Amino acid sequence: MKTPGKWALFQFLSRWFPPKKSSERLLLSPPRFKVAVPGLNVTALKQMIEQTETDELDCDQVFVLLDQYAELVAQNKDPAVLLPQVYRHLKRCPDCQEELTALLLAIQTVTKT
C-alpha cells in the first residue's frame, strides 16, 4: 500500500479538523518552493510556445510522413510547400531532423548503387 504524501495528509486533516483562527490557517498553508530545472531555457521555451499553431503534428504523425518528405527532398522538390506541417515540425524537432538525415543518407546510398 502506498503511503500518502504530506500534502495529501494535510488536505485530509484540514477537511476533518479545520483551523479555528485565521492565523492558524496561515501556518497550515502548503509550502511554496521555487523549482530550478537545470538546462531549461525559458526564452527558447517561450518562443516555441508562441510559434505553436493549431494544426501542429506530433512526432508520431511526422514519422509516418517522413519517408515521403525525404523522397521530395531527394527529388529536389520543395517539401515546405507540399508538406508544410512536416516542414514546420522539423524546424523545431531535433529528433525528427535526425531521422530525416538518416533517411536521406539511406536514399543517397541506394541511388548511388
Protein backbone atom coordinates (compact mmCIF):
# COMPACT_ATOMS: atom_id res chain seq x y z
CA MET A 1 0.00 0.00 0.00
CA LYS A 2 1.33 3.42 -0.95
CA THR A 3 1.68 5.91 1.90
CA PRO A 4 0.09 9.32 1.37
CA GLY A 5 2.30 12.35 0.86
CA LYS A 6 2.46 15.22 3.33
CA TRP A 7 0.21 17.41 1.21
CA ALA A 8 -2.48 14.70 0.95
CA LEU A 9 -2.33 14.21 4.70
CA PHE A 10 -2.58 17.99 5.22
CA GLN A 11 -5.68 18.14 2.99
CA PHE A 12 -7.30 15.22 4.80
CA LEU A 13 -6.65 16.64 8.26
CA SER A 14 -7.72 20.16 7.34
CA ARG A 15 -11.02 18.82 5.99
CA TRP A 16 -11.86 17.00 9.23
CA PHE A 17 -10.14 19.38 11.66
CA PRO A 18 -10.38 22.89 10.21
CA PRO A 19 -8.36 25.64 11.92
CA LYS A 20 -10.30 27.79 14.33
CA LYS A 21 -8.40 31.04 13.79
CA SER A 22 -7.26 32.74 10.61
CA SER A 23 -3.70 32.86 11.98
CA GLU A 24 -3.67 29.06 12.18
CA ARG A 25 -4.63 28.88 8.51
CA LEU A 26 -1.50 30.77 7.58
CA LEU A 27 0.62 28.29 9.49
CA LEU A 28 -1.07 25.35 7.79
CA SER A 29 -0.78 26.68 4.26
CA PRO A 30 1.18 24.42 1.91
CA PRO A 31 4.85 25.24 1.43
CA ARG A 32 5.83 27.06 -1.75
CA PHE A 33 9.07 26.12 -3.43
CA LYS A 34 10.89 27.59 -6.37
CA VAL A 35 11.88 24.75 -8.61
CA ALA A 36 15.05 25.16 -10.62
CA VAL A 37 15.25 22.98 -13.70
CA PRO A 38 18.84 22.64 -14.90
CA GLY A 39 19.30 23.33 -18.59
CA LEU A 40 15.86 24.92 -19.03
CA ASN A 41 15.99 27.85 -21.41
CA VAL A 42 12.86 29.82 -20.59
CA THR A 43 13.30 32.18 -23.54
CA ALA A 44 13.52 29.29 -26.02
CA LEU A 45 10.51 27.62 -24.39
CA LYS A 46 8.51 30.86 -24.65
CA GLN A 47 9.42 31.20 -28.34
CA MET A 48 8.37 27.61 -29.02
CA ILE A 49 5.01 28.20 -27.34
CA GLU A 50 4.47 31.42 -29.31
CA GLN A 51 5.24 29.63 -32.58
CA THR A 52 2.80 26.78 -31.90
CA GLU A 53 -0.02 26.58 -34.39
CA THR A 54 -3.41 24.90 -34.20
CA ASP A 55 -2.62 22.30 -36.87
CA GLU A 56 0.66 21.01 -35.42
CA LEU A 57 1.79 17.44 -35.99
CA ASP A 58 3.42 15.39 -33.27
CA CYS A 59 6.49 13.19 -33.78
CA ASP A 60 4.44 10.05 -34.43
CA GLN A 61 2.43 11.76 -37.17
CA VAL A 62 5.60 13.19 -38.72
CA PHE A 63 7.30 9.80 -38.60
CA VAL A 64 4.54 8.37 -40.81
CA LEU A 65 5.12 11.10 -43.43
CA LEU A 66 8.89 11.35 -43.10
CA ASP A 67 9.66 8.92 -45.94
CA GLN A 68 7.52 10.97 -48.34
CA TYR A 69 9.24 14.14 -47.15
CA ALA A 70 12.68 12.59 -47.71
CA GLU A 71 11.71 11.48 -51.22
CA LEU A 72 10.63 15.04 -52.04
CA VAL A 73 13.96 16.39 -50.80
CA ALA A 74 15.84 13.77 -52.80
CA GLN A 75 13.89 14.76 -55.94
CA ASN A 76 14.77 18.45 -55.39
CA LYS A 77 11.13 19.38 -54.83
CA ASP A 78 10.09 21.92 -52.21
CA PRO A 79 8.69 19.93 -49.25
CA ALA A 80 7.85 23.16 -47.40
CA VAL A 81 5.12 23.77 -49.97
CA LEU A 82 3.95 20.18 -50.36
CA LEU A 83 4.13 19.12 -46.69
CA PRO A 84 4.13 22.37 -44.69
CA GLN A 85 3.14 20.80 -41.36
CA VAL A 86 6.01 18.34 -41.53
CA TYR A 87 8.37 21.16 -42.54
CA ARG A 88 7.33 23.28 -39.52
CA HIS A 89 7.71 20.33 -37.17
CA LEU A 90 11.18 19.52 -38.50
CA LYS A 91 12.33 23.10 -37.89
CA ARG A 92 11.69 22.61 -34.18
CA CYS A 93 12.34 18.93 -33.51
CA PRO A 94 15.95 17.70 -33.43
CA ASP A 95 14.89 14.05 -33.05
CA CYS A 96 12.83 14.11 -36.24
CA GLN A 97 15.61 16.03 -38.01
CA GLU A 98 17.96 13.20 -37.09
CA GLU A 99 15.51 10.64 -38.54
CA LEU A 100 15.26 12.69 -41.74
CA THR A 101 19.04 12.87 -42.04
CA ALA A 102 19.27 9.08 -41.71
CA LEU A 103 16.57 8.60 -44.35
CA LEU A 104 18.27 10.99 -46.76
CA LEU A 105 21.58 9.19 -46.26
CA ALA A 106 19.88 5.87 -47.00
CA ILE A 107 18.26 7.29 -50.15
CA GLN A 108 21.60 8.68 -51.34
CA THR A 109 23.29 5.33 -50.71
CA VAL A 110 20.64 3.41 -52.66
CA THR A 111 20.61 5.82 -55.61
CA LYS A 112 24.43 5.70 -55.94
CA THR A 113 24.47 1.93 -56.39
